[in-house]
Amino acid sequence: MSFDAPAVVFDSDGFVKRLQGDENLAREVVVALCASTPELVEQLTKSVAAGELSLSARYAHTIKGAAANVNAEALRRIASDMEQAGRANDREQVAMLMPQLRSAFDDLMNAVRQLGWVVS
């Protein structure tokens, strides 16, 4: 039996490397993600509560893509699972994953704060 390794919260070194070493650009992109994601999470929460699972899947897809862009693998994995559950009309699974998504985003914010990239 194989188990997936725990996902990395934020691979800042890998992200900066992908941007050809431009830490300022990396910081700008991460700050933008950190500023926009809370609204996406709120809209995702509302769509789940309303039972609008196709909309939930779209919000989860957007979060997944943003997380993938900045090497935030833990958030990307959970958002991907939520997207798949939404597309499968599995409201229970989507609702169960919501706290995990919030936690993964909080973990990302903490990692970014530790780097001094986001203060608030």
PDB file of N, CA and C in Angstrom:
ATOM      1  N   MET A   1       0.849  -1.169   0.000  1.00  0.00           N
ATOM      2  CA  MET A   1       0.000   0.000   0.000  1.00  0.00           C
ATOM      3  C   MET A   1       0.895   1.232   0.000  1.00  0.00           C
ATOM      4  N   SER A   2       0.604   2.184  -0.867  1.00  0.00           N
ATOM      5  CA  SER A   2       1.403   3.408  -0.898  1.00  0.00           C
ATOM      6  C   SER A   2       0.574   4.576  -0.400  1.00  0.00           C
ATOM      7  N   PHE A   3       1.260   5.511   0.199  1.00  0.00           N
ATOM      8  CA  PHE A   3       0.614   6.703   0.710  1.00  0.00           C
ATOM      9  C   PHE A   3       1.262   7.911   0.064  1.00  0.00           C
ATOM     10  N   ASP A   4       0.455   8.924  -0.202  1.00  0.00           N
ATOM     11  CA  ASP A   4       1.013  10.163  -0.726  1.00  0.00           C
ATOM     12  C   ASP A   4       1.804  10.847   0.367  1.00  0.00           C
ATOM     13  N   ALA A   5       2.934  11.395   0.001  1.00  0.00           N
ATOM     14  CA  ALA A   5       3.734  12.168   0.945  1.00  0.00           C
ATOM     15  C   ALA A   5       2.981  13.451   1.271  1.00  0.00           C
ATOM     16  N   PRO A   6       3.186  13.969   2.480  1.00  0.00           N
ATOM     17  CA  PRO A   6       2.538  15.244   2.802  1.00  0.00           C
ATOM     18  C   PRO A   6       2.965  16.317   1.799  1.00  0.00           C
ATOM     19  N   ALA A   7       2.019  17.135   1.423  1.00  0.00           N
ATOM     20  CA  ALA A   7       2.300  18.182   0.441  1.00  0.00           C
ATOM     21  C   ALA A   7       3.051  19.335   1.093  1.00  0.00           C
ATOM     22  N   VAL A   8       3.931  19.922   0.340  1.00  0.00           N
ATOM     23  CA  VAL A   8       4.669  21.098   0.790  1.00  0.00           C
ATOM     24  C   VAL A   8       3.705  22.282   0.818  1.00  0.00           C
ATOM     25  N   VAL A   9       3.744  23.047   1.900  1.00  0.00           N
ATOM     26  CA  VAL A   9       2.866  24.208   2.024  1.00  0.00           C
ATOM     27  C   VAL A   9       3.230  25.245   0.970  1.00  0.00           C
ATOM     28  N   PHE A  10       4.514  25.605   0.891  1.00  0.00           N
ATOM     29  CA  PHE A  10       4.952  26.625  -0.062  1.00  0.00           C
ATOM     30  C   PHE A  10       6.424  26.417  -0.366  1.00  0.00           C
ATOM     31  N   ASP A  11       6.720  26.093  -1.603  1.00  0.00           N
ATOM     32  CA  ASP A  11       8.095  25.909  -2.056  1.00  0.00           C
ATOM     33  C   ASP A  11       8.580  27.245  -2.619  1.00  0.00           C
ATOM     34  N   SER A  12       8.972  28.132  -1.719  1.00  0.00           N
ATOM     35  CA  SER A  12       9.386  29.470  -2.148  1.00  0.00           C
ATOM     36  C   SER A  12      10.633  29.416  -3.015  1.00  0.00           C
ATOM     37  N   ASP A  13      11.577  28.566  -2.657  1.00  0.00           N
ATOM     38  CA  ASP A  13      12.807  28.466  -3.456  1.00  0.00           C
ATOM     39  C   ASP A  13      12.500  27.999  -4.878  1.00  0.00           C
ATOM     40  N   GLY A  14      11.663  26.990  -4.989  1.00  0.00           N
ATOM     41  CA  GLY A  14      11.284  26.492  -6.303  1.00  0.00           C
ATOM     42  C   GLY A  14      10.525  27.537  -7.113  1.00  0.00           C
ATOM     43  N   PHE A  15       9.686  28.300  -6.442  1.00  0.00           N
ATOM     44  CA  PHE A  15       8.920  29.338  -7.123  1.00  0.00           C
ATOM     45  C   PHE A  15       9.843  30.436  -7.641  1.00  0.00           C
ATOM     46  N   VAL A  16      10.744  30.890  -6.795  1.00  0.00           N
ATOM     47  CA  VAL A  16      11.691  31.930  -7.220  1.00  0.00           C
ATOM     48  C   VAL A  16      12.542  31.407  -8.378  1.00  0.00           C
ATOM     49  N   LYS A  17      12.951  30.164  -8.291  1.00  0.00           N
ATOM     50  CA  LYS A  17      13.761  29.572  -9.369  1.00  0.00           C
ATOM     51  C   LYS A  17      12.976  29.558 -10.679  1.00  0.00           C
ATOM     52  N   ARG A  18      11.690  29.207 -10.612  1.00  0.00           N
ATOM     53  CA  ARG A  18      10.845  29.209 -11.815  1.00  0.00           C
ATOM     54  C   ARG A  18      10.752  30.592 -12.441  1.00  0.00           C
ATOM     55  N   LEU A  19      10.913  31.619 -11.618  1.00  0.00           N
ATOM     56  CA  LEU A  19      10.875  33.003 -12.101  1.00  0.00           C
ATOM     57  C   LEU A  19      12.277  33.538 -12.366  1.00  0.00           C
ATOM     58  N   GLN A  20      13.176  32.626 -12.672  1.00  0.00           N
ATOM     59  CA  GLN A  20      14.553  32.952 -13.025  1.00  0.00           C
ATOM     60  C   GLN A  20      15.244  33.783 -11.941  1.00  0.00           C
ATOM     61  N   GLY A  21      14.929  33.463 -10.688  1.00  0.00           N
ATOM     62  CA  GLY A  21      15.597  34.099  -9.562  1.00  0.00           C
ATOM     63  C   GLY A  21      15.059  35.465  -9.185  1.00  0.00           C
ATOM     64  N   ASP A  22      13.972  35.898  -9.787  1.00  0.00           N
ATOM     65  CA  ASP A  22      13.416  37.228  -9.514  1.00  0.00           C
ATOM     66  C   ASP A  22      12.530  37.181  -8.264  1.00  0.00           C
ATOM     67  N   GLU A  23      13.166  37.378  -7.102  1.00  0.00           N
ATOM     68  CA  GLU A  23      12.427  37.302  -5.840  1.00  0.00           C
ATOM     69  C   GLU A  23      11.385  38.418  -5.722  1.00  0.00           C
ATOM     70  N   ASN A  24      11.663  39.577  -6.270  1.00  0.00           N
ATOM     71  CA  ASN A  24      10.682  40.671  -6.210  1.00  0.00           C
ATOM     72  C   ASN A  24       9.412  40.308  -6.963  1.00  0.00           C
ATOM     73  N   LEU A  25       9.560  39.712  -8.137  1.00  0.00           N
ATOM     74  CA  LEU A  25       8.391  39.279  -8.899  1.00  0.00           C
ATOM     75  C   LEU A  25       7.656  38.174  -8.146  1.00  0.00           C
ATOM     76  N   ALA A  26       8.403  37.234  -7.585  1.00  0.00           N
ATOM     77  CA  ALA A  26       7.785  36.156  -6.810  1.00  0.00           C
ATOM     78  C   ALA A  26       6.966  36.730  -5.663  1.00  0.00           C
ATOM     79  N   ARG A  27       7.538  37.689  -4.971  1.00  0.00           N
ATOM     80  CA  ARG A  27       6.840  38.320  -3.850  1.00  0.00           C
ATOM     81  C   ARG A  27       5.558  39.000  -4.326  1.00  0.00           C
ATOM     82  N   GLU A  28       5.634  39.721  -5.437  1.00  0.00           N
ATOM     83  CA  GLU A  28       4.445  40.409  -5.967  1.00  0.00           C
ATOM     84  C   GLU A  28       3.334  39.421  -6.308  1.00  0.00           C
ATOM     85  N   VAL A  29       3.705  38.320  -6.936  1.00  0.00           N
ATOM     86  CA  VAL A  29       2.707  37.319  -7.331  1.00  0.00           C
ATOM     87  C   VAL A  29       2.070  36.691  -6.091  1.00  0.00           C
ATOM     88  N   VAL A  30       2.885  36.360  -5.103  1.00  0.00           N
ATOM     89  CA  VAL A  30       2.367  35.741  -3.881  1.00  0.00           C
ATOM     90  C   VAL A  30       1.487  36.718  -3.112  1.00  0.00           C
ATOM     91  N   VAL A  31       1.888  37.970  -3.042  1.00  0.00           N
ATOM     92  CA  VAL A  31       1.070  38.979  -2.362  1.00  0.00           C
ATOM     93  C   VAL A  31      -0.288  39.105  -3.053  1.00  0.00           C
ATOM     94  N   ALA A  32      -0.296  39.089  -4.380  1.00  0.00           N
ATOM     95  CA  ALA A  32      -1.561  39.153  -5.118  1.00  0.00           C
ATOM     96  C   ALA A  32      -2.438  37.942  -4.816  1.00  0.00           C
ATOM     97  N   LEU A  33      -1.831  36.759  -4.768  1.00  0.00           N
ATOM     98  CA  LEU A  33      -2.593  35.555  -4.439  1.00  0.00           C
ATOM     99  C   LEU A  33      -3.170  35.657  -3.028  1.00  0.00           C
ATOM    100  N   CYS A  34      -2.363  36.097  -2.092  1.00  0.00           N
ATOM    101  CA  CYS A  34      -2.816  36.200  -0.703  1.00  0.00           C
ATOM    102  C   CYS A  34      -3.922  37.235  -0.547  1.00  0.00           C
ATOM    103  N   ALA A  35      -3.916  38.250  -1.388  1.00  0.00           N
ATOM    104  CA  ALA A  35      -4.959  39.272  -1.327  1.00  0.00           C
ATOM    105  C   ALA A  35      -6.260  38.809  -1.969  1.00  0.00           C
ATOM    106  N   SER A  36      -6.173  38.016  -3.029  1.00  0.00           N
ATOM    107  CA  SER A  36      -7.378  37.629  -3.768  1.00  0.00           C
ATOM    108  C   SER A  36      -8.025  36.337  -3.275  1.00  0.00           C
ATOM    109  N   THR A  37      -7.264  35.467  -2.680  1.00  0.00           N
ATOM    110  CA  THR A  37      -7.796  34.149  -2.306  1.00  0.00           C
ATOM    111  C   THR A  37      -8.883  34.198  -1.236  1.00  0.00           C
ATOM    112  N   PRO A  38      -8.797  35.059  -0.222  1.00  0.00           N
ATOM    113  CA  PRO A  38      -9.888  35.067   0.763  1.00  0.00           C
ATOM    114  C   PRO A  38     -11.269  35.300   0.139  1.00  0.00           C
ATOM    115  N   GLU A  39     -11.361  36.162  -0.851  1.00  0.00           N
ATOM    116  CA  GLU A  39     -12.645  36.394  -1.526  1.00  0.00           C
ATOM    117  C   GLU A  39     -13.081  35.143  -2.292  1.00  0.00           C
ATOM    118  N   LEU A  40     -12.132  34.476  -2.935  1.00  0.00           N
ATOM    119  CA  LEU A  40     -12.464  33.233  -3.636  1.00  0.00           C
ATOM    120  C   LEU A  40     -12.954  32.171  -2.664  1.00  0.00           C
ATOM    121  N   VAL A  41     -12.304  32.073  -1.513  1.00  0.00           N
ATOM    122  CA  VAL A  41     -12.719  31.098  -0.498  1.00  0.00           C
ATOM    123  C   VAL A  41     -14.119  31.435   0.007  1.00  0.00           C
ATOM    124  N   GLU A  42     -14.394  32.711   0.183  1.00  0.00           N
ATOM    125  CA  GLU A  42     -15.727  33.126   0.632  1.00  0.00           C
ATOM    126  C   GLU A  42     -16.787  32.773  -0.410  1.00  0.00           C
ATOM    127  N   GLN A  43     -16.493  33.040  -1.675  1.00  0.00           N
ATOM    128  CA  GLN A  43     -17.439  32.692  -2.737  1.00  0.00           C
ATOM    129  C   GLN A  43     -17.614  31.179  -2.845  1.00  0.00           C
ATOM    130  N   LEU A  44     -16.540  30.453  -2.656  1.00  0.00           N
ATOM    131  CA  LEU A  44     -16.614  28.999  -2.661  1.00  0.00           C
ATOM    132  C   LEU A  44     -17.504  28.514  -1.520  1.00  0.00           C
ATOM    133  N   THR A  45     -17.323  29.074  -0.346  1.00  0.00           N
ATOM    134  CA  THR A  45     -18.145  28.708   0.813  1.00  0.00           C
ATOM    135  C   THR A  45     -19.626  28.956   0.531  1.00  0.00           C
ATOM    136  N   LYS A  46     -19.930  30.104  -0.027  1.00  0.00           N
ATOM    137  CA  LYS A  46     -21.331  30.442  -0.340  1.00  0.00           C
ATOM    138  C   LYS A  46     -21.908  29.495  -1.393  1.00  0.00           C
ATOM    139  N   SER A  47     -21.123  29.157  -2.390  1.00  0.00           N
ATOM    140  CA  SER A  47     -21.635  28.270  -3.429  1.00  0.00           C
ATOM    141  C   SER A  47     -21.884  26.867  -2.893  1.00  0.00           C
ATOM    142  N   VAL A  48     -21.026  26.422  -1.977  1.00  0.00           N
ATOM    143  CA  VAL A  48     -21.233  25.111  -1.345  1.00  0.00           C
ATOM    144  C   VAL A  48     -22.516  25.137  -0.519  1.00  0.00           C
ATOM    145  N   ALA A  49     -22.675  26.184   0.275  1.00  0.00           N
ATOM    146  CA  ALA A  49     -23.868  26.298   1.127  1.00  0.00           C
ATOM    147  C   ALA A  49     -25.149  26.346   0.297  1.00  0.00           C
ATOM    148  N   ALA A  50     -25.070  26.952  -0.874  1.00  0.00           N
ATOM    149  CA  ALA A  50     -26.237  27.056  -1.754  1.00  0.00           C
ATOM    150  C   ALA A  50     -26.441  25.809  -2.611  1.00  0.00           C
ATOM    151  N   GLY A  51     -25.518  24.869  -2.513  1.00  0.00           N
ATOM    152  CA  GLY A  51     -25.634  23.647  -3.297  1.00  0.00           C
ATOM    153  C   GLY A  51     -25.306  23.833  -4.766  1.00  0.00           C
ATOM    154  N   GLU A  52     -24.614  24.909  -5.100  1.00  0.00           N
ATOM    155  CA  GLU A  52     -24.232  25.195  -6.481  1.00  0.00           C
ATOM    156  C   GLU A  52     -22.865  24.563  -6.760  1.00  0.00           C
ATOM    157  N   LEU A  53     -22.871  23.253  -6.943  1.00  0.00           N
ATOM    158  CA  LEU A  53     -21.616  22.508  -7.024  1.00  0.00           C
ATOM    159  C   LEU A  53     -20.819  22.777  -8.297  1.00  0.00           C
ATOM    160  N   SER A  54     -21.478  23.094  -9.398  1.00  0.00           N
ATOM    161  CA  SER A  54     -20.705  23.428 -10.601  1.00  0.00           C
ATOM    162  C   SER A  54     -19.967  24.749 -10.387  1.00  0.00           C
ATOM    163  N   LEU A  55     -20.587  25.691  -9.709  1.00  0.00           N
ATOM    164  CA  LEU A  55     -19.927  26.950  -9.365  1.00  0.00           C
ATOM    165  C   LEU A  55     -18.811  26.695  -8.356  1.00  0.00           C
ATOM    166  N   SER A  56     -19.075  25.826  -7.393  1.00  0.00           N
ATOM    167  CA  SER A  56     -18.047  25.453  -6.418  1.00  0.00           C
ATOM    168  C   SER A  56     -16.823  24.877  -7.120  1.00  0.00           C
ATOM    169  N   ALA A  57     -17.055  24.036  -8.100  1.00  0.00           N
ATOM    170  CA  ALA A  57     -15.950  23.430  -8.845  1.00  0.00           C
ATOM    171  C   ALA A  57     -15.137  24.501  -9.569  1.00  0.00           C
ATOM    172  N   ARG A  58     -15.810  25.523 -10.103  1.00  0.00           N
ATOM    173  CA  ARG A  58     -15.085  26.597 -10.795  1.00  0.00           C
ATOM    174  C   ARG A  58     -14.232  27.408  -9.821  1.00  0.00           C
ATOM    175  N   TYR A  59     -14.784  27.729  -8.642  1.00  0.00           N
ATOM    176  CA  TYR A  59     -13.989  28.460  -7.645  1.00  0.00           C
ATOM    177  C   TYR A  59     -12.801  27.619  -7.192  1.00  0.00           C
ATOM    178  N   ALA A  60     -13.049  26.346  -6.947  1.00  0.00           N
ATOM    179  CA  ALA A  60     -11.961  25.454  -6.529  1.00  0.00           C
ATOM    180  C   ALA A  60     -10.902  25.368  -7.626  1.00  0.00           C
ATOM    181  N   HIS A  61     -11.329  25.332  -8.878  1.00  0.00           N
ATOM    182  CA  HIS A  61     -10.394  25.289  -9.999  1.00  0.00           C
ATOM    183  C   HIS A  61      -9.520  26.546 -10.028  1.00  0.00           C
ATOM    184  N   THR A  62     -10.121  27.687  -9.785  1.00  0.00           N
ATOM    185  CA  THR A  62      -9.377  28.952  -9.773  1.00  0.00           C
ATOM    186  C   THR A  62      -8.347  28.963  -8.648  1.00  0.00           C
ATOM    187  N   ILE A  63      -8.750  28.507  -7.472  1.00  0.00           N
ATOM    188  CA  ILE A  63      -7.830  28.434  -6.335  1.00  0.00           C
ATOM    189  C   ILE A  63      -6.713  27.438  -6.638  1.00  0.00           C
ATOM    190  N   LYS A  64      -7.072  26.314  -7.219  1.00  0.00           N
ATOM    191  CA  LYS A  64      -6.071  25.294  -7.580  1.00  0.00           C
ATOM    192  C   LYS A  64      -5.020  25.874  -8.519  1.00  0.00           C
ATOM    193  N   GLY A  65      -5.456  26.579  -9.527  1.00  0.00           N
ATOM    194  CA  GLY A  65      -4.527  27.163 -10.487  1.00  0.00           C
ATOM    195  C   GLY A  65      -3.618  28.202  -9.855  1.00  0.00           C
ATOM    196  N   ALA A  66      -4.184  29.058  -9.015  1.00  0.00           N
ATOM    197  CA  ALA A  66      -3.378  30.079  -8.345  1.00  0.00           C
ATOM    198  C   ALA A  66      -2.348  29.430  -7.428  1.00  0.00           C
ATOM    199  N   ALA A  67      -2.763  28.410  -6.710  1.00  0.00           N
ATOM    200  CA  ALA A  67      -1.844  27.707  -5.807  1.00  0.00           C
ATOM    201  C   ALA A  67      -0.738  27.009  -6.595  1.00  0.00           C
ATOM    202  N   ALA A  68      -1.098  26.392  -7.704  1.00  0.00           N
ATOM    203  CA  ALA A  68      -0.090  25.720  -8.539  1.00  0.00           C
ATOM    204  C   ALA A  68       0.918  26.726  -9.078  1.00  0.00           C
ATOM    205  N   ASN A  69       0.445  27.901  -9.434  1.00  0.00           N
ATOM    206  CA  ASN A  69       1.338  28.929  -9.991  1.00  0.00           C
ATOM    207  C   ASN A  69       2.428  29.353  -9.019  1.00  0.00           C
ATOM    208  N   VAL A  70       2.142  29.292  -7.721  1.00  0.00           N
ATOM    209  CA  VAL A  70       3.128  29.760  -6.730  1.00  0.00           C
ATOM    210  C   VAL A  70       3.775  28.607  -5.956  1.00  0.00           C
ATOM    211  N   ASN A  71       3.591  27.386  -6.404  1.00  0.00           N
ATOM    212  CA  ASN A  71       4.184  26.212  -5.732  1.00  0.00           C
ATOM    213  C   ASN A  71       3.625  26.003  -4.322  1.00  0.00           C
ATOM    214  N   ALA A  72       2.333  26.240  -4.149  1.00  0.00           N
ATOM    215  CA  ALA A  72       1.657  25.984  -2.877  1.00  0.00           C
ATOM    216  C   ALA A  72       0.916  24.652  -3.019  1.00  0.00           C
ATOM    217  N   GLU A  73       1.670  23.560  -2.925  1.00  0.00           N
ATOM    218  CA  GLU A  73       1.155  22.239  -3.265  1.00  0.00           C
ATOM    219  C   GLU A  73       0.040  21.756  -2.342  1.00  0.00           C
ATOM    220  N   ALA A  74       0.121  22.028  -1.059  1.00  0.00           N
ATOM    221  CA  ALA A  74      -0.923  21.553  -0.139  1.00  0.00           C
ATOM    222  C   ALA A  74      -2.277  22.176  -0.509  1.00  0.00           C
ATOM    223  N   LEU A  75      -2.280  23.474  -0.740  1.00  0.00           N
ATOM    224  CA  LEU A  75      -3.517  24.162  -1.136  1.00  0.00           C
ATOM    225  C   LEU A  75      -3.981  23.669  -2.506  1.00  0.00           C
ATOM    226  N   ARG A  76      -3.062  23.457  -3.419  1.00  0.00           N
ATOM    227  CA  ARG A  76      -3.421  22.976  -4.751  1.00  0.00           C
ATOM    228  C   ARG A  76      -4.101  21.607  -4.700  1.00  0.00           C
ATOM    229  N   ARG A  77      -3.554  20.715  -3.877  1.00  0.00           N
ATOM    230  CA  ARG A  77      -4.122  19.359  -3.778  1.00  0.00           C
ATOM    231  C   ARG A  77      -5.549  19.388  -3.249  1.00  0.00           C
ATOM    232  N   ILE A  78      -5.773  20.151  -2.193  1.00  0.00           N
ATOM    233  CA  ILE A  78      -7.114  20.199  -1.604  1.00  0.00           C
ATOM    234  C   ILE A  78      -8.095  20.862  -2.561  1.00  0.00           C
ATOM    235  N   ALA A  79      -7.668  21.947  -3.200  1.00  0.00           N
ATOM    236  CA  ALA A  79      -8.544  22.607  -4.170  1.00  0.00           C
ATOM    237  C   ALA A  79      -8.864  21.664  -5.324  1.00  0.00           C
ATOM    238  N   SER A  80      -7.892  20.877  -5.751  1.00  0.00           N
ATOM    239  CA  SER A  80      -8.125  19.903  -6.816  1.00  0.00           C
ATOM    240  C   SER A  80      -9.149  18.858  -6.379  1.00  0.00           C
ATOM    241  N   ASP A  81      -9.004  18.363  -5.160  1.00  0.00           N
ATOM    242  CA  ASP A  81      -9.973  17.396  -4.635  1.00  0.00           C
ATOM    243  C   ASP A  81     -11.371  18.007  -4.575  1.00  0.00           C
ATOM    244  N   MET A  82     -11.439  19.284  -4.180  1.00  0.00           N
ATOM    245  CA  MET A  82     -12.741  19.964  -4.116  1.00  0.00           C
ATOM    246  C   MET A  82     -13.329  20.135  -5.509  1.00  0.00           C
ATOM    247  N   GLU A  83     -12.489  20.482  -6.454  1.00  0.00           N
ATOM    248  CA  GLU A  83     -12.961  20.646  -7.829  1.00  0.00           C
ATOM    249  C   GLU A  83     -13.547  19.329  -8.338  1.00  0.00           C
ATOM    250  N   GLN A  84     -12.829  18.243  -8.128  1.00  0.00           N
ATOM    251  CA  GLN A  84     -13.305  16.939  -8.594  1.00  0.00           C
ATOM    252  C   GLN A  84     -14.610  16.553  -7.906  1.00  0.00           C
ATOM    253  N   ALA A  85     -14.705  16.803  -6.612  1.00  0.00           N
ATOM    254  CA  ALA A  85     -15.935  16.480  -5.883  1.00  0.00           C
ATOM    255  C   ALA A  85     -17.102  17.335  -6.375  1.00  0.00           C
ATOM    256  N   GLY A  86     -16.822  18.603  -6.647  1.00  0.00           N
ATOM    257  CA  GLY A  86     -17.873  19.477  -7.173  1.00  0.00           C
ATOM    258  C   GLY A  86     -18.366  19.007  -8.533  1.00  0.00           C
ATOM    259  N   ARG A  87     -17.428  18.624  -9.386  1.00  0.00           N
ATOM    260  CA  ARG A  87     -17.811  18.132 -10.721  1.00  0.00           C
ATOM    261  C   ARG A  87     -18.599  16.825 -10.630  1.00  0.00           C
ATOM    262  N   ALA A  88     -18.351  16.056  -9.561  1.00  0.00           N
ATOM    263  CA  ALA A  88     -19.070  14.791  -9.348  1.00  0.00           C
ATOM    264  C   ALA A  88     -20.373  15.006  -8.573  1.00  0.00           C
ATOM    265  N   ASN A  89     -20.704  16.260  -8.291  1.00  0.00           N
ATOM    266  CA  ASN A  89     -21.909  16.607  -7.518  1.00  0.00           C
ATOM    267  C   ASN A  89     -21.914  15.956  -6.139  1.00  0.00           C
ATOM    268  N   ASP A  90     -20.744  15.863  -5.524  1.00  0.00           N
ATOM    269  CA  ASP A  90     -20.611  15.265  -4.193  1.00  0.00           C
ATOM    270  C   ASP A  90     -20.542  16.382  -3.150  1.00  0.00           C
ATOM    271  N   ARG A  91     -21.706  16.869  -2.795  1.00  0.00           N
ATOM    272  CA  ARG A  91     -21.791  18.011  -1.861  1.00  0.00           C
ATOM    273  C   ARG A  91     -21.164  17.682  -0.513  1.00  0.00           C
ATOM    274  N   GLU A  92     -21.372  16.477  -0.039  1.00  0.00           N
ATOM    275  CA  GLU A  92     -20.817  16.076   1.256  1.00  0.00           C
ATOM    276  C   GLU A  92     -19.285  16.157   1.249  1.00  0.00           C
ATOM    277  N   GLN A  93     -18.674  15.656   0.186  1.00  0.00           N
ATOM    278  CA  GLN A  93     -17.210  15.688   0.083  1.00  0.00           C
ATOM    279  C   GLN A  93     -16.701  17.124  -0.034  1.00  0.00           C
ATOM    280  N   VAL A  94     -17.368  17.925  -0.837  1.00  0.00           N
ATOM    281  CA  VAL A  94     -16.957  19.330  -0.986  1.00  0.00           C
ATOM    282  C   VAL A  94     -17.038  20.028   0.366  1.00  0.00           C
ATOM    283  N   ALA A  95     -18.138  19.821   1.083  1.00  0.00           N
ATOM    284  CA  ALA A  95     -18.309  20.459   2.396  1.00  0.00           C
ATOM    285  C   ALA A  95     -17.263  19.957   3.386  1.00  0.00           C
ATOM    286  N   MET A  96     -16.931  18.674   3.324  1.00  0.00           N
ATOM    287  CA  MET A  96     -15.938  18.111   4.230  1.00  0.00           C
ATOM    288  C   MET A  96     -14.541  18.695   3.965  1.00  0.00           C
ATOM    289  N   LEU A  97     -14.248  19.012   2.713  1.00  0.00           N
ATOM    290  CA  LEU A  97     -12.940  19.539   2.353  1.00  0.00           C
ATOM    291  C   LEU A  97     -12.789  21.034   2.640  1.00  0.00           C
ATOM    292  N   MET A  98     -13.902  21.726   2.850  1.00  0.00           N
ATOM    293  CA  MET A  98     -13.846  23.178   3.047  1.00  0.00           C
ATOM    294  C   MET A  98     -12.931  23.578   4.207  1.00  0.00           C
ATOM    295  N   PRO A  99     -13.055  22.954   5.397  1.00  0.00           N
ATOM    296  CA  PRO A  99     -12.143  23.337   6.490  1.00  0.00           C
ATOM    297  C   PRO A  99     -10.677  23.044   6.166  1.00  0.00           C
ATOM    298  N   GLN A 100     -10.431  21.978   5.414  1.00  0.00           N
ATOM    299  CA  GLN A 100      -9.059  21.660   5.018  1.00  0.00           C
ATOM    300  C   GLN A 100      -8.498  22.720   4.071  1.00  0.00           C
ATOM    301  N   LEU A 101      -9.347  23.222   3.183  1.00  0.00           N
ATOM    302  CA  LEU A 101      -8.904  24.261   2.266  1.00  0.00           C
ATOM    303  C   LEU A 101      -8.566  25.535   3.035  1.00  0.00           C
ATOM    304  N   ARG A 102      -9.428  25.899   3.973  1.00  0.00           N
ATOM    305  CA  ARG A 102      -9.156  27.091   4.792  1.00  0.00           C
ATOM    306  C   ARG A 102      -7.851  26.924   5.573  1.00  0.00           C
ATOM    307  N   SER A 103      -7.649  25.753   6.123  1.00  0.00           N
ATOM    308  CA  SER A 103      -6.439  25.474   6.890  1.00  0.00           C
ATOM    309  C   SER A 103      -5.196  25.541   5.998  1.00  0.00           C
ATOM    310  N   ALA A 104      -5.293  24.989   4.799  1.00  0.00           N
ATOM    311  CA  ALA A 104      -4.159  25.017   3.869  1.00  0.00           C
ATOM    312  C   ALA A 104      -3.830  26.453   3.469  1.00  0.00           C
ATOM    313  N   PHE A 105      -4.861  27.278   3.287  1.00  0.00           N
ATOM    314  CA  PHE A 105      -4.608  28.682   2.955  1.00  0.00           C
ATOM    315  C   PHE A 105      -3.975  29.398   4.152  1.00  0.00           C
ATOM    316  N   ASP A 106      -4.466  29.122   5.352  1.00  0.00           N
ATOM    317  CA  ASP A 106      -3.856  29.716   6.557  1.00  0.00           C
ATOM    318  C   ASP A 106      -2.394  29.304   6.682  1.00  0.00           C
ATOM    319  N   ASP A 107      -2.104  28.041   6.397  1.00  0.00           N
ATOM    320  CA  ASP A 107      -0.721  27.563   6.445  1.00  0.00           C
ATOM    321  C   ASP A 107       0.144  28.297   5.417  1.00  0.00           C
ATOM    322  N   LEU A 108      -0.403  28.512   4.230  1.00  0.00           N
ATOM    323  CA  LEU A 108       0.321  29.256   3.204  1.00  0.00           C
ATOM    324  C   LEU A 108       0.590  30.682   3.675  1.00  0.00           C
ATOM    325  N   MET A 109      -0.415  31.321   4.227  1.00  0.00           N
ATOM    326  CA  MET A 109      -0.233  32.697   4.718  1.00  0.00           C
ATOM    327  C   MET A 109       0.851  32.746   5.794  1.00  0.00           C
ATOM    328  N   ASN A 110       0.843  31.778   6.691  1.00  0.00           N
ATOM    329  CA  ASN A 110       1.871  31.739   7.740  1.00  0.00           C
ATOM    330  C   ASN A 110       3.264  31.564   7.142  1.00  0.00           C
ATOM    331  N   ALA A 111       3.387  30.702   6.142  1.00  0.00           N
ATOM    332  CA  ALA A 111       4.684  30.478   5.498  1.00  0.00           C
ATOM    333  C   ALA A 111       5.167  31.751   4.814  1.00  0.00           C
ATOM    334  N   VAL A 112       4.246  32.448   4.168  1.00  0.00           N
ATOM    335  CA  VAL A 112       4.613  33.682   3.464  1.00  0.00           C
ATOM    336  C   VAL A 112       4.984  34.772   4.467  1.00  0.00           C
ATOM    337  N   ARG A 113       4.261  34.824   5.573  1.00  0.00           N
ATOM    338  CA  ARG A 113       4.602  35.808   6.620  1.00  0.00           C
ATOM    339  C   ARG A 113       5.987  35.537   7.191  1.00  0.00           C
ATOM    340  N   GLN A 114       6.314  34.261   7.383  1.00  0.00           N
ATOM    341  CA  GLN A 114       7.632  33.919   7.916  1.00  0.00           C
ATOM    342  C   GLN A 114       8.756  34.378   6.991  1.00  0.00           C
ATOM    343  N   LEU A 115       8.482  34.455   5.706  1.00  0.00           N
ATOM    344  CA  LEU A 115       9.453  34.963   4.751  1.00  0.00           C
ATOM    345  C   LEU A 115       9.521  36.484   4.751  1.00  0.00           C
ATOM    346  N   GLY A 116       8.536  37.103   5.399  1.00  0.00           N
ATOM    347  CA  GLY A 116       8.455  38.560   5.397  1.00  0.00           C
ATOM    348  C   GLY A 116       7.853  39.117   4.127  1.00  0.00           C
ATOM    349  N   TRP A 117       7.170  38.270   3.357  1.00  0.00           N
ATOM    350  CA  TRP A 117       6.591  38.704   2.090  1.00  0.00           C
ATOM    351  C   TRP A 117       5.229  39.348   2.272  1.00  0.00           C
ATOM    352  N   VAL A 118       4.481  38.929   3.288  1.00  0.00           N
ATOM    353  CA  VAL A 118       3.159  39.505   3.579  1.00  0.00           C
ATOM    354  C   VAL A 118       3.127  39.805   5.065  1.00  0.00           C
ATOM    355  N   VAL A 119       2.734  41.001   5.390  1.00  0.00           N
ATOM    356  CA  VAL A 119       2.755  41.410   6.801  1.00  0.00           C
ATOM    357  C   VAL A 119       1.401  41.192   7.458  1.00  0.00           C
ATOM    358  N   SER A 120       0.332  41.495   6.777  1.00  0.00           N
ATOM    359  CA  SER A 120      -0.999  41.427   7.409  1.00  0.00           C
ATOM    360  C   SER A 120      -1.540  40.028   7.513  1.00  0.00           C
TER     361      SER A 120
END
